[in-house]
C-alpha cells in the first residue's frame, strides 16, 4: 500500500471521539532496566510527553505501573512485562470509544497533529492506520484503530507479534511531513544514546 501524506503537526481540526492506550510496561533492557517512561526529556517524563499528544482523547489508558498522572487510567498486562500484545489486550479492556490510538511511551516527538492525521486516515480507510518512516517501515506502536476491529483481531490471535496481529488488518499508511532539522515522530528512546539525543533535540526545540 502506498503511504499517504500525513497532516502537519499544527493541524487544528477537531478529531473524532477516541480513547488512547499508551504502552509503558516494557523491561527497558537496553536502558539497564531503568524506568524508561519516567525518564525526563524536555523537563517532562516520556510518558507524559506522549500523553500530551492525546490530550483530546475521551480516556487515556497507560499500561504499566501507576504514576502520578491525574485523569489517566492505569492497567497492567498479564504477566507484567509480557510484551506488547498482552499489554494491548489489557489496555483495550478499558476502552469505550469507537476509535483507539495506540502509542508507545517512549516517543517524545509525537504530537497531537500526528494523532489527528492517523484518526483521519482511519475514518477514510477502514480498520486502522499507522505511521511509516522514511524507509516505508510501519510503526506499529504509532497508530489508530477501530476498536471493534482491534478487539476481533485480538480475540482470534495467539501470537506475540504486533506485526502479526495488526498487519492483516490492512491499515492505511501515513507518512507525516518532516521539516528539515525536525525530529520525526517515530524517533523512540530504546538506548541511553537515544535518550541523550532526545534531550539534546528537545533543548534545541526549546
N, C-alpha and C. Protein backbone atom coordinates (compact mmCIF):
# COMPACT_ATOMS: atom_id res chain seq x y z
N UNK A 1 0.84 -1.19 0.00
CA UNK A 1 0.00 0.00 0.00
C UNK A 1 0.88 1.24 0.00
N UNK A 2 0.52 2.21 -0.86
CA UNK A 2 1.32 3.42 -0.94
C UNK A 2 1.00 4.35 0.22
N UNK A 3 2.04 4.84 0.90
CA UNK A 3 1.76 5.75 2.02
C UNK A 3 1.10 7.03 1.55
N UNK A 4 0.17 7.51 2.34
CA UNK A 4 -0.44 8.81 2.08
C UNK A 4 0.28 9.85 2.90
N UNK A 5 0.23 11.08 2.45
CA UNK A 5 0.88 12.16 3.19
C UNK A 5 0.08 12.44 4.45
N UNK A 6 0.78 12.62 5.56
CA UNK A 6 0.10 12.93 6.80
C UNK A 6 -0.19 14.41 6.91
N UNK A 7 -0.93 14.74 7.97
CA UNK A 7 -1.23 16.12 8.27
C UNK A 7 -0.09 16.70 9.10
N UNK A 8 0.21 17.95 8.90
CA UNK A 8 1.27 18.59 9.66
C UNK A 8 0.97 18.62 11.14
N UNK A 9 2.02 18.77 11.95
CA UNK A 9 1.86 18.74 13.40
C UNK A 9 0.99 19.87 13.91
N UNK A 10 0.79 20.92 13.11
CA UNK A 10 -0.02 22.04 13.56
C UNK A 10 -1.49 21.92 13.21
N UNK A 11 -1.93 20.77 12.66
CA UNK A 11 -3.32 20.58 12.27
C UNK A 11 -4.25 20.89 13.43
N UNK A 12 -5.32 21.70 13.15
CA UNK A 12 -6.17 22.19 14.23
C UNK A 12 -7.57 21.60 14.22
N UNK A 13 -7.93 20.80 13.20
CA UNK A 13 -9.29 20.26 13.14
C UNK A 13 -9.56 19.36 14.33
N UNK A 14 -10.82 19.38 14.80
CA UNK A 14 -11.18 18.55 15.95
C UNK A 14 -11.20 17.09 15.54
N UNK A 15 -10.61 16.20 16.33
CA UNK A 15 -10.61 14.78 15.98
C UNK A 15 -11.95 14.14 16.32
N UNK A 16 -12.24 12.98 15.75
CA UNK A 16 -13.43 12.23 16.15
C UNK A 16 -13.24 11.69 17.56
N UNK A 17 -14.32 11.24 18.21
CA UNK A 17 -14.18 10.68 19.56
C UNK A 17 -13.25 9.45 19.56
N UNK A 18 -12.32 9.45 20.50
CA UNK A 18 -11.38 8.33 20.59
C UNK A 18 -10.85 8.20 22.01
N UNK A 19 -10.37 7.01 22.33
CA UNK A 19 -9.59 6.77 23.54
C UNK A 19 -8.15 6.51 23.12
N UNK A 20 -7.24 6.52 24.08
CA UNK A 20 -5.83 6.27 23.78
C UNK A 20 -5.28 5.22 24.73
N UNK A 21 -4.45 4.35 24.21
CA UNK A 21 -3.74 3.35 25.00
C UNK A 21 -2.25 3.59 24.80
N UNK A 22 -1.54 3.82 25.90
CA UNK A 22 -0.10 4.06 25.88
C UNK A 22 0.58 2.89 26.57
N UNK A 23 1.47 2.21 25.85
CA UNK A 23 2.16 1.05 26.42
C UNK A 23 3.42 1.51 27.14
N UNK A 24 3.45 1.29 28.45
CA UNK A 24 4.54 1.81 29.29
C UNK A 24 5.05 0.76 30.26
N UNK A 25 4.94 -0.51 29.90
CA UNK A 25 5.31 -1.55 30.85
C UNK A 25 6.45 -2.43 30.43
N UNK A 26 7.25 -2.00 29.44
CA UNK A 26 8.36 -2.82 28.97
C UNK A 26 9.48 -2.95 30.00
N UNK A 27 10.40 -3.84 29.68
CA UNK A 27 11.51 -4.12 30.62
C UNK A 27 12.67 -3.14 30.49
N UNK A 28 12.73 -2.39 29.39
CA UNK A 28 13.81 -1.40 29.17
C UNK A 28 15.18 -2.02 29.36
N UNK A 29 15.37 -3.20 28.78
CA UNK A 29 16.64 -3.93 28.98
C UNK A 29 17.83 -3.15 28.44
N UNK A 30 17.63 -2.45 27.32
CA UNK A 30 18.75 -1.69 26.74
C UNK A 30 19.02 -0.39 27.49
N UNK A 31 18.18 -0.10 28.48
CA UNK A 31 18.46 1.02 29.39
C UNK A 31 18.82 0.51 30.77
N UNK A 32 19.26 -0.75 30.82
CA UNK A 32 19.66 -1.33 32.09
C UNK A 32 18.52 -1.53 33.06
N UNK A 33 17.30 -1.67 32.54
CA UNK A 33 16.14 -1.87 33.41
C UNK A 33 15.65 -0.60 34.07
N UNK A 34 16.12 0.57 33.61
CA UNK A 34 15.69 1.85 34.20
C UNK A 34 14.22 2.11 33.90
N UNK A 35 13.66 3.07 34.61
CA UNK A 35 12.27 3.47 34.40
C UNK A 35 12.21 4.35 33.16
N UNK A 36 12.14 3.72 31.99
CA UNK A 36 12.18 4.49 30.75
C UNK A 36 11.00 5.46 30.61
N UNK A 37 9.75 5.05 30.86
CA UNK A 37 8.66 6.01 30.71
C UNK A 37 8.79 7.24 31.61
N UNK A 38 9.52 7.08 32.73
CA UNK A 38 9.71 8.19 33.65
C UNK A 38 10.93 9.05 33.35
N UNK A 39 11.73 8.66 32.34
CA UNK A 39 12.92 9.43 32.01
C UNK A 39 12.53 10.81 31.48
N UNK A 40 13.25 11.82 31.91
CA UNK A 40 12.91 13.19 31.54
C UNK A 40 13.48 13.56 30.17
N UNK A 41 12.62 14.16 29.35
CA UNK A 41 13.03 14.76 28.08
C UNK A 41 12.33 16.10 27.99
N UNK A 42 13.10 17.16 27.86
CA UNK A 42 12.49 18.49 27.81
C UNK A 42 11.75 18.84 29.09
N UNK A 43 12.20 18.29 30.22
CA UNK A 43 11.60 18.62 31.51
C UNK A 43 10.38 17.81 31.87
N UNK A 44 9.95 16.89 31.00
CA UNK A 44 8.78 16.05 31.28
C UNK A 44 9.14 14.59 31.14
N UNK A 45 8.52 13.70 31.94
CA UNK A 45 8.71 12.28 31.71
C UNK A 45 8.22 11.90 30.31
N UNK A 46 8.87 10.93 29.72
CA UNK A 46 8.50 10.49 28.37
C UNK A 46 7.00 10.18 28.28
N UNK A 47 6.48 9.44 29.25
CA UNK A 47 5.08 9.04 29.17
C UNK A 47 4.15 10.24 29.21
N UNK A 48 4.53 11.30 29.90
CA UNK A 48 3.70 12.50 29.94
C UNK A 48 3.77 13.27 28.63
N UNK A 49 4.91 13.25 27.97
CA UNK A 49 5.01 13.86 26.65
C UNK A 49 4.08 13.16 25.67
N UNK A 50 4.06 11.82 25.73
CA UNK A 50 3.19 11.07 24.83
C UNK A 50 1.72 11.33 25.18
N UNK A 51 1.41 11.36 26.47
CA UNK A 51 0.02 11.63 26.88
C UNK A 51 -0.45 12.99 26.39
N UNK A 52 0.45 13.96 26.30
CA UNK A 52 0.08 15.29 25.81
C UNK A 52 -0.37 15.25 24.35
N UNK A 53 0.14 14.28 23.59
CA UNK A 53 -0.25 14.16 22.19
C UNK A 53 -1.68 13.66 22.02
N UNK A 54 -2.23 13.04 23.07
CA UNK A 54 -3.60 12.52 23.01
C UNK A 54 -4.48 13.24 24.03
N UNK A 55 -4.21 14.51 24.21
CA UNK A 55 -4.96 15.29 25.19
C UNK A 55 -6.43 15.42 24.82
N UNK A 56 -6.78 15.20 23.54
CA UNK A 56 -8.18 15.27 23.11
C UNK A 56 -8.94 13.96 23.34
N UNK A 57 -8.26 12.94 23.82
CA UNK A 57 -8.91 11.64 24.00
C UNK A 57 -9.96 11.70 25.09
N UNK A 58 -11.02 10.91 24.92
CA UNK A 58 -12.02 10.79 25.98
C UNK A 58 -11.41 10.15 27.22
N UNK A 59 -10.57 9.14 26.99
CA UNK A 59 -9.88 8.46 28.10
C UNK A 59 -8.49 8.09 27.64
N UNK A 60 -7.53 8.21 28.55
CA UNK A 60 -6.15 7.80 28.29
C UNK A 60 -5.83 6.66 29.25
N UNK A 61 -5.44 5.52 28.68
CA UNK A 61 -5.10 4.33 29.46
C UNK A 61 -3.61 4.08 29.32
N UNK A 62 -2.89 4.10 30.42
CA UNK A 62 -1.46 3.78 30.43
C UNK A 62 -1.31 2.36 30.96
N UNK A 63 -0.72 1.50 30.16
CA UNK A 63 -0.49 0.12 30.58
C UNK A 63 0.91 0.05 31.15
N UNK A 64 0.99 -0.03 32.46
CA UNK A 64 2.26 -0.03 33.15
C UNK A 64 2.05 0.32 34.61
N UNK A 65 3.13 0.44 35.38
CA UNK A 65 3.00 0.77 36.80
C UNK A 65 2.30 2.10 37.00
N UNK A 66 1.46 2.24 38.02
CA UNK A 66 0.77 3.51 38.28
C UNK A 66 1.75 4.65 38.54
N UNK A 67 1.37 5.84 38.08
CA UNK A 67 2.19 7.04 38.26
C UNK A 67 1.27 8.18 38.67
N UNK A 68 1.88 9.28 39.05
CA UNK A 68 1.12 10.48 39.41
C UNK A 68 0.74 11.22 38.13
N UNK A 69 -0.33 10.76 37.49
CA UNK A 69 -0.82 11.38 36.26
C UNK A 69 -2.34 11.54 36.41
N UNK A 70 -2.79 12.64 36.96
CA UNK A 70 -4.22 12.84 37.20
C UNK A 70 -5.05 12.66 35.94
N UNK A 71 -6.18 11.97 36.09
CA UNK A 71 -7.09 11.78 34.98
C UNK A 71 -6.77 10.61 34.07
N UNK A 72 -5.65 9.94 34.32
CA UNK A 72 -5.23 8.81 33.49
C UNK A 72 -5.65 7.50 34.16
N UNK A 73 -6.13 6.55 33.36
CA UNK A 73 -6.42 5.20 33.85
C UNK A 73 -5.17 4.35 33.71
N UNK A 74 -4.97 3.44 34.66
CA UNK A 74 -3.82 2.54 34.58
C UNK A 74 -4.30 1.10 34.54
N UNK A 75 -3.58 0.30 33.76
CA UNK A 75 -3.86 -1.13 33.65
C UNK A 75 -2.52 -1.86 33.63
N UNK A 76 -2.54 -3.15 33.89
CA UNK A 76 -1.31 -3.96 33.83
C UNK A 76 -1.55 -5.18 32.96
N UNK A 77 -0.57 -5.48 32.14
CA UNK A 77 -0.62 -6.69 31.34
C UNK A 77 -0.34 -7.91 32.22
N UNK A 78 -0.77 -9.07 31.74
CA UNK A 78 -0.56 -10.31 32.48
C UNK A 78 0.19 -11.30 31.58
N UNK A 79 1.47 -11.61 31.98
CA UNK A 79 2.20 -11.12 33.15
C UNK A 79 2.79 -9.73 32.90
N UNK A 80 3.12 -8.98 33.96
CA UNK A 80 3.79 -7.69 33.77
C UNK A 80 5.07 -7.87 32.96
N UNK A 81 5.27 -6.99 31.98
CA UNK A 81 6.43 -7.11 31.11
C UNK A 81 6.30 -8.20 30.07
N UNK A 82 5.07 -8.68 29.86
CA UNK A 82 4.86 -9.81 28.96
C UNK A 82 4.89 -9.48 27.49
N UNK A 83 5.03 -8.19 27.15
CA UNK A 83 5.12 -7.83 25.74
C UNK A 83 3.96 -6.99 25.28
N UNK A 84 4.06 -6.46 24.05
CA UNK A 84 3.06 -5.51 23.58
C UNK A 84 1.68 -6.10 23.34
N UNK A 85 1.58 -7.36 22.95
CA UNK A 85 0.25 -7.92 22.69
C UNK A 85 -0.55 -8.08 23.98
N UNK A 86 0.00 -8.70 25.04
CA UNK A 86 -0.74 -8.71 26.31
C UNK A 86 -1.02 -7.31 26.86
N UNK A 87 -0.09 -6.38 26.64
CA UNK A 87 -0.30 -5.01 27.11
C UNK A 87 -1.45 -4.36 26.35
N UNK A 88 -1.50 -4.56 25.05
CA UNK A 88 -2.60 -4.01 24.28
C UNK A 88 -3.93 -4.63 24.72
N UNK A 89 -3.92 -5.90 24.99
CA UNK A 89 -5.14 -6.58 25.44
C UNK A 89 -5.64 -5.96 26.75
N UNK A 90 -4.71 -5.69 27.67
CA UNK A 90 -5.10 -5.09 28.95
C UNK A 90 -5.62 -3.67 28.77
N UNK A 91 -4.96 -2.90 27.93
CA UNK A 91 -5.40 -1.52 27.71
C UNK A 91 -6.73 -1.45 27.00
N UNK A 92 -6.93 -2.33 26.03
CA UNK A 92 -8.16 -2.29 25.24
C UNK A 92 -9.38 -2.64 26.09
N UNK A 93 -9.17 -3.39 27.16
CA UNK A 93 -10.28 -3.72 28.05
C UNK A 93 -10.89 -2.49 28.70
N UNK A 94 -10.13 -1.38 28.75
CA UNK A 94 -10.61 -0.14 29.37
C UNK A 94 -11.18 0.84 28.35
N UNK A 95 -11.14 0.50 27.08
CA UNK A 95 -11.54 1.42 26.02
C UNK A 95 -13.04 1.32 25.77
N UNK A 96 -13.70 2.48 25.64
CA UNK A 96 -15.14 2.51 25.35
C UNK A 96 -15.48 3.30 24.09
N UNK A 97 -14.52 4.02 23.53
CA UNK A 97 -14.78 4.81 22.32
C UNK A 97 -14.66 3.94 21.07
N UNK A 98 -15.27 4.36 19.96
CA UNK A 98 -15.22 3.57 18.73
C UNK A 98 -13.87 3.56 18.05
N UNK A 99 -13.01 4.51 18.39
CA UNK A 99 -11.66 4.57 17.85
C UNK A 99 -10.66 4.58 19.00
N UNK A 100 -9.49 3.99 18.77
CA UNK A 100 -8.46 3.96 19.80
C UNK A 100 -7.11 4.26 19.15
N UNK A 101 -6.34 5.11 19.79
CA UNK A 101 -4.98 5.43 19.37
C UNK A 101 -4.02 4.60 20.23
N UNK A 102 -3.09 3.92 19.58
CA UNK A 102 -2.10 3.10 20.26
C UNK A 102 -0.73 3.73 20.09
N UNK A 103 -0.07 4.01 21.22
CA UNK A 103 1.25 4.64 21.20
C UNK A 103 2.17 3.97 22.21
N UNK A 104 3.45 3.94 21.90
CA UNK A 104 4.45 3.57 22.89
C UNK A 104 4.74 4.77 23.78
N UNK A 105 5.25 4.50 24.97
CA UNK A 105 5.52 5.57 25.93
C UNK A 105 6.87 6.24 25.72
N UNK A 106 7.62 5.81 24.68
CA UNK A 106 8.97 6.35 24.52
C UNK A 106 9.12 7.14 23.22
N UNK A 107 8.05 7.85 22.83
CA UNK A 107 8.04 8.62 21.59
C UNK A 107 7.95 10.12 21.91
N UNK A 108 9.06 10.75 22.25
CA UNK A 108 8.99 12.12 22.78
C UNK A 108 8.58 13.17 21.76
N UNK A 109 8.58 12.85 20.47
CA UNK A 109 8.30 13.87 19.46
C UNK A 109 7.01 13.62 18.69
N UNK A 110 6.20 12.69 19.13
CA UNK A 110 4.86 12.56 18.57
C UNK A 110 3.97 13.63 19.20
N UNK A 111 3.16 14.29 18.37
CA UNK A 111 2.32 15.38 18.86
C UNK A 111 0.90 15.19 18.36
N UNK A 112 0.02 16.09 18.80
CA UNK A 112 -1.40 15.94 18.50
C UNK A 112 -1.69 15.93 17.00
N UNK A 113 -0.93 16.68 16.22
CA UNK A 113 -1.15 16.70 14.78
C UNK A 113 -0.94 15.34 14.14
N UNK A 114 0.04 14.59 14.62
CA UNK A 114 0.26 13.25 14.09
C UNK A 114 -0.92 12.34 14.44
N UNK A 115 -1.42 12.48 15.66
CA UNK A 115 -2.56 11.67 16.09
C UNK A 115 -3.79 11.98 15.23
N UNK A 116 -4.03 13.25 14.96
CA UNK A 116 -5.19 13.63 14.16
C UNK A 116 -5.07 13.10 12.73
N UNK A 117 -3.86 13.10 12.19
CA UNK A 117 -3.67 12.55 10.85
C UNK A 117 -3.99 11.06 10.81
N UNK A 118 -3.60 10.34 11.83
CA UNK A 118 -3.91 8.91 11.91
C UNK A 118 -5.41 8.68 12.01
N UNK A 119 -6.07 9.45 12.86
CA UNK A 119 -7.52 9.28 13.03
C UNK A 119 -8.26 9.61 11.73
N UNK A 120 -7.82 10.63 11.03
CA UNK A 120 -8.45 10.98 9.76
C UNK A 120 -8.29 9.86 8.74
N UNK A 121 -7.12 9.23 8.74
CA UNK A 121 -6.87 8.13 7.80
C UNK A 121 -7.75 6.92 8.12
N UNK A 122 -7.99 6.65 9.41
CA UNK A 122 -8.88 5.54 9.78
C UNK A 122 -10.29 5.82 9.27
N UNK A 123 -10.76 7.03 9.44
CA UNK A 123 -12.12 7.35 9.00
C UNK A 123 -12.28 7.15 7.50
N UNK A 124 -11.20 7.31 6.75
CA UNK A 124 -11.26 7.15 5.30
C UNK A 124 -10.96 5.73 4.84
N UNK A 125 -10.23 4.95 5.63
CA UNK A 125 -9.65 3.72 5.11
C UNK A 125 -9.90 2.47 5.96
N UNK A 126 -10.98 2.41 6.70
CA UNK A 126 -11.33 1.13 7.30
C UNK A 126 -10.79 0.87 8.67
N UNK A 127 -10.04 -0.23 8.84
CA UNK A 127 -9.77 -0.77 10.16
C UNK A 127 -8.76 0.04 10.97
N UNK A 128 -7.77 0.64 10.31
CA UNK A 128 -6.74 1.31 11.08
C UNK A 128 -5.78 2.10 10.22
N UNK A 129 -4.82 2.73 10.88
CA UNK A 129 -3.77 3.50 10.20
C UNK A 129 -2.54 3.51 11.08
N UNK A 130 -1.37 3.46 10.45
CA UNK A 130 -0.11 3.54 11.18
C UNK A 130 0.82 4.50 10.47
N UNK A 131 1.72 5.11 11.25
CA UNK A 131 2.77 5.90 10.64
C UNK A 131 3.79 4.99 9.98
N UNK A 132 4.39 5.49 8.90
CA UNK A 132 5.54 4.82 8.30
C UNK A 132 6.70 5.79 8.29
N UNK A 133 7.91 5.24 8.44
CA UNK A 133 9.09 6.10 8.48
C UNK A 133 9.58 6.41 7.07
N UNK A 134 10.72 7.07 6.97
CA UNK A 134 11.23 7.50 5.68
C UNK A 134 11.60 6.32 4.78
N UNK A 135 11.80 5.15 5.36
CA UNK A 135 12.12 3.96 4.57
C UNK A 135 10.89 3.10 4.32
N UNK A 136 9.72 3.62 4.69
CA UNK A 136 8.48 2.90 4.42
C UNK A 136 8.14 1.81 5.40
N UNK A 137 8.79 1.77 6.54
CA UNK A 137 8.53 0.73 7.54
C UNK A 137 7.39 1.15 8.46
N UNK A 138 6.46 0.23 8.65
CA UNK A 138 5.33 0.51 9.52
C UNK A 138 5.78 0.67 10.97
N UNK A 139 5.22 1.66 11.62
CA UNK A 139 5.50 1.92 13.04
C UNK A 139 4.28 1.44 13.83
N UNK A 140 4.32 0.18 14.23
CA UNK A 140 3.13 -0.47 14.80
C UNK A 140 2.73 0.12 16.13
N UNK A 141 3.64 0.82 16.79
CA UNK A 141 3.31 1.45 18.07
C UNK A 141 3.02 2.93 17.91
N UNK A 142 2.64 3.32 16.71
CA UNK A 142 2.17 4.69 16.45
C UNK A 142 1.01 4.57 15.46
N UNK A 143 -0.18 4.25 15.98
CA UNK A 143 -1.30 4.00 15.09
C UNK A 143 -2.64 4.35 15.70
N UNK A 144 -3.67 4.25 14.87
CA UNK A 144 -5.05 4.45 15.30
C UNK A 144 -5.90 3.36 14.67
N UNK A 145 -6.91 2.89 15.41
CA UNK A 145 -7.66 1.71 15.00
C UNK A 145 -9.13 1.85 15.36
N UNK A 146 -9.97 1.15 14.59
CA UNK A 146 -11.35 0.97 15.01
C UNK A 146 -11.35 -0.06 16.15
N UNK A 147 -11.94 0.31 17.24
CA UNK A 147 -11.89 -0.53 18.44
C UNK A 147 -12.46 -1.92 18.17
N UNK A 148 -13.58 -1.99 17.45
CA UNK A 148 -14.21 -3.28 17.19
C UNK A 148 -13.30 -4.18 16.37
N UNK A 149 -12.62 -3.63 15.36
CA UNK A 149 -11.72 -4.42 14.53
C UNK A 149 -10.54 -4.94 15.34
N UNK A 150 -10.02 -4.09 16.24
CA UNK A 150 -8.88 -4.49 17.06
C UNK A 150 -9.28 -5.57 18.05
N UNK A 151 -10.46 -5.45 18.64
CA UNK A 151 -10.92 -6.48 19.58
C UNK A 151 -11.12 -7.82 18.86
N UNK A 152 -11.69 -7.77 17.67
CA UNK A 152 -11.91 -9.01 16.92
C UNK A 152 -10.58 -9.67 16.58
N UNK A 153 -9.60 -8.87 16.17
CA UNK A 153 -8.29 -9.42 15.83
C UNK A 153 -7.62 -10.03 17.05
N UNK A 154 -7.71 -9.36 18.18
CA UNK A 154 -7.10 -9.90 19.41
C UNK A 154 -7.78 -11.19 19.84
N UNK A 155 -9.10 -11.26 19.67
CA UNK A 155 -9.82 -12.44 20.08
C UNK A 155 -9.41 -13.68 19.33
N UNK A 156 -8.91 -13.52 18.10
CA UNK A 156 -8.54 -14.66 17.27
C UNK A 156 -7.04 -14.88 17.19
N UNK A 157 -6.26 -14.10 17.97
CA UNK A 157 -4.80 -14.12 17.81
C UNK A 157 -4.13 -14.76 19.03
N UNK A 158 -3.20 -15.66 18.76
CA UNK A 158 -2.48 -16.34 19.84
C UNK A 158 -0.99 -16.05 19.81
N UNK A 159 -0.54 -15.22 18.90
CA UNK A 159 0.88 -14.93 18.78
C UNK A 159 1.33 -13.82 19.71
N UNK A 160 2.58 -13.39 19.51
CA UNK A 160 3.20 -12.37 20.37
C UNK A 160 3.64 -11.13 19.61
N UNK A 161 3.48 -11.15 18.29
CA UNK A 161 4.00 -10.07 17.45
C UNK A 161 2.91 -9.06 17.11
N UNK A 162 3.20 -7.78 17.33
CA UNK A 162 2.25 -6.74 16.92
C UNK A 162 2.08 -6.74 15.40
N UNK A 163 3.15 -6.96 14.67
CA UNK A 163 3.04 -7.02 13.22
C UNK A 163 2.09 -8.16 12.81
N UNK A 164 2.24 -9.30 13.47
CA UNK A 164 1.37 -10.43 13.15
C UNK A 164 -0.08 -10.15 13.47
N UNK A 165 -0.33 -9.36 14.51
CA UNK A 165 -1.69 -9.01 14.90
C UNK A 165 -2.28 -7.93 14.01
N UNK A 166 -1.52 -6.86 13.78
CA UNK A 166 -2.06 -5.67 13.13
C UNK A 166 -1.92 -5.68 11.61
N UNK A 167 -0.87 -6.31 11.10
CA UNK A 167 -0.63 -6.32 9.67
C UNK A 167 -1.81 -6.83 8.85
N UNK A 168 -2.44 -7.97 9.24
CA UNK A 168 -3.55 -8.48 8.46
C UNK A 168 -4.77 -7.56 8.41
N UNK A 169 -4.84 -6.55 9.26
CA UNK A 169 -5.96 -5.62 9.23
C UNK A 169 -5.85 -4.62 8.07
N UNK A 170 -4.71 -4.62 7.38
CA UNK A 170 -4.54 -3.75 6.22
C UNK A 170 -4.65 -2.28 6.52
N UNK A 171 -3.90 -1.77 7.51
CA UNK A 171 -4.05 -0.35 7.87
C UNK A 171 -3.59 0.59 6.77
N UNK A 172 -4.18 1.76 6.76
CA UNK A 172 -3.66 2.85 5.92
C UNK A 172 -2.28 3.25 6.42
N UNK A 173 -1.41 3.61 5.50
CA UNK A 173 -0.05 4.02 5.85
C UNK A 173 0.06 5.53 5.75
N UNK A 174 0.46 6.16 6.83
CA UNK A 174 0.52 7.63 6.90
C UNK A 174 1.98 8.04 7.08
N UNK A 175 2.47 8.81 6.13
CA UNK A 175 3.84 9.33 6.24
C UNK A 175 3.75 10.83 6.51
N UNK A 176 3.99 11.24 7.73
CA UNK A 176 3.86 12.67 8.05
C UNK A 176 5.01 13.47 7.47
N UNK A 177 4.75 14.71 7.09
CA UNK A 177 5.85 15.55 6.62
C UNK A 177 6.80 15.87 7.77
N UNK A 178 8.08 15.79 7.49
CA UNK A 178 9.10 16.11 8.49
C UNK A 178 9.98 17.21 7.91
N UNK A 179 9.93 18.37 8.51
CA UNK A 179 10.70 19.51 8.03
C UNK A 179 12.19 19.29 8.26
N UNK A 180 13.04 19.93 7.46
CA UNK A 180 14.48 19.82 7.68
C UNK A 180 14.85 20.22 9.11
N UNK A 181 15.61 19.36 9.76
CA UNK A 181 16.02 19.62 11.13
C UNK A 181 15.02 19.19 12.17
N UNK A 182 13.81 18.80 11.76
CA UNK A 182 12.79 18.36 12.72
C UNK A 182 12.99 16.89 13.06
N UNK A 183 12.72 16.52 14.28
CA UNK A 183 12.82 15.12 14.70
C UNK A 183 11.53 14.40 14.34
N UNK A 184 11.61 13.26 13.65
CA UNK A 184 10.38 12.58 13.23
C UNK A 184 9.64 11.96 14.42
N UNK A 185 8.33 11.79 14.28
CA UNK A 185 7.55 11.28 15.42
C UNK A 185 7.87 9.84 15.78
N UNK A 186 8.47 9.09 14.87
CA UNK A 186 8.80 7.68 15.18
C UNK A 186 10.13 7.54 15.92
N UNK A 187 10.80 8.64 16.20
CA UNK A 187 12.04 8.56 16.99
C UNK A 187 11.71 8.06 18.38
N UNK A 188 12.27 6.90 18.76
CA UNK A 188 11.99 6.35 20.09
C UNK A 188 13.27 6.24 20.91
N UNK A 189 13.10 6.05 22.19
CA UNK A 189 14.22 6.06 23.13
C UNK A 189 14.46 4.64 23.66
N UNK A 190 15.15 3.84 22.87
CA UNK A 190 15.44 2.47 23.27
C UNK A 190 16.73 2.35 24.08
N UNK A 191 17.68 3.24 23.83
CA UNK A 191 19.00 3.13 24.43
C UNK A 191 19.37 4.42 25.14
N UNK A 192 20.47 4.35 25.88
CA UNK A 192 20.99 5.55 26.55
C UNK A 192 21.34 6.61 25.52
N UNK A 193 21.93 6.21 24.39
CA UNK A 193 22.27 7.17 23.34
C UNK A 193 21.02 7.82 22.76
N UNK A 194 19.95 7.03 22.57
CA UNK A 194 18.69 7.60 22.07
C UNK A 194 18.16 8.65 23.04
N UNK A 195 18.21 8.33 24.33
CA UNK A 195 17.70 9.25 25.34
C UNK A 195 18.51 10.53 25.37
N UNK A 196 19.81 10.39 25.25
CA UNK A 196 20.68 11.58 25.22
C UNK A 196 20.36 12.43 24.00
N UNK A 197 20.18 11.79 22.84
CA UNK A 197 19.87 12.53 21.62
C UNK A 197 18.51 13.23 21.74
N UNK A 198 17.54 12.56 22.35
CA UNK A 198 16.22 13.17 22.51
C UNK A 198 16.29 14.41 23.38
N UNK A 199 17.08 14.34 24.44
CA UNK A 199 17.23 15.50 25.31
C UNK A 199 17.88 16.67 24.58
N UNK A 200 18.89 16.37 23.78
CA UNK A 200 19.56 17.42 23.03
C UNK A 200 18.61 18.05 22.01
N UNK A 201 17.82 17.21 21.35
CA UNK A 201 16.88 17.72 20.35
C UNK A 201 15.77 18.54 21.00
N UNK A 202 15.31 18.07 22.18
CA UNK A 202 14.28 18.83 22.88
C UNK A 202 14.80 20.19 23.32
N UNK A 203 16.07 20.25 23.74
CA UNK A 203 16.66 21.54 24.10
C UNK A 203 16.74 22.44 22.88
N UNK A 204 17.07 21.84 21.73
CA UNK A 204 17.14 22.62 20.50
C UNK A 204 15.81 23.20 20.12
N UNK A 205 14.74 22.44 20.33
CA UNK A 205 13.39 22.95 20.06
C UNK A 205 13.06 24.11 20.99
N UNK A 206 13.50 23.95 22.24
CA UNK A 206 13.18 24.99 23.23
C UNK A 206 13.89 26.30 22.89
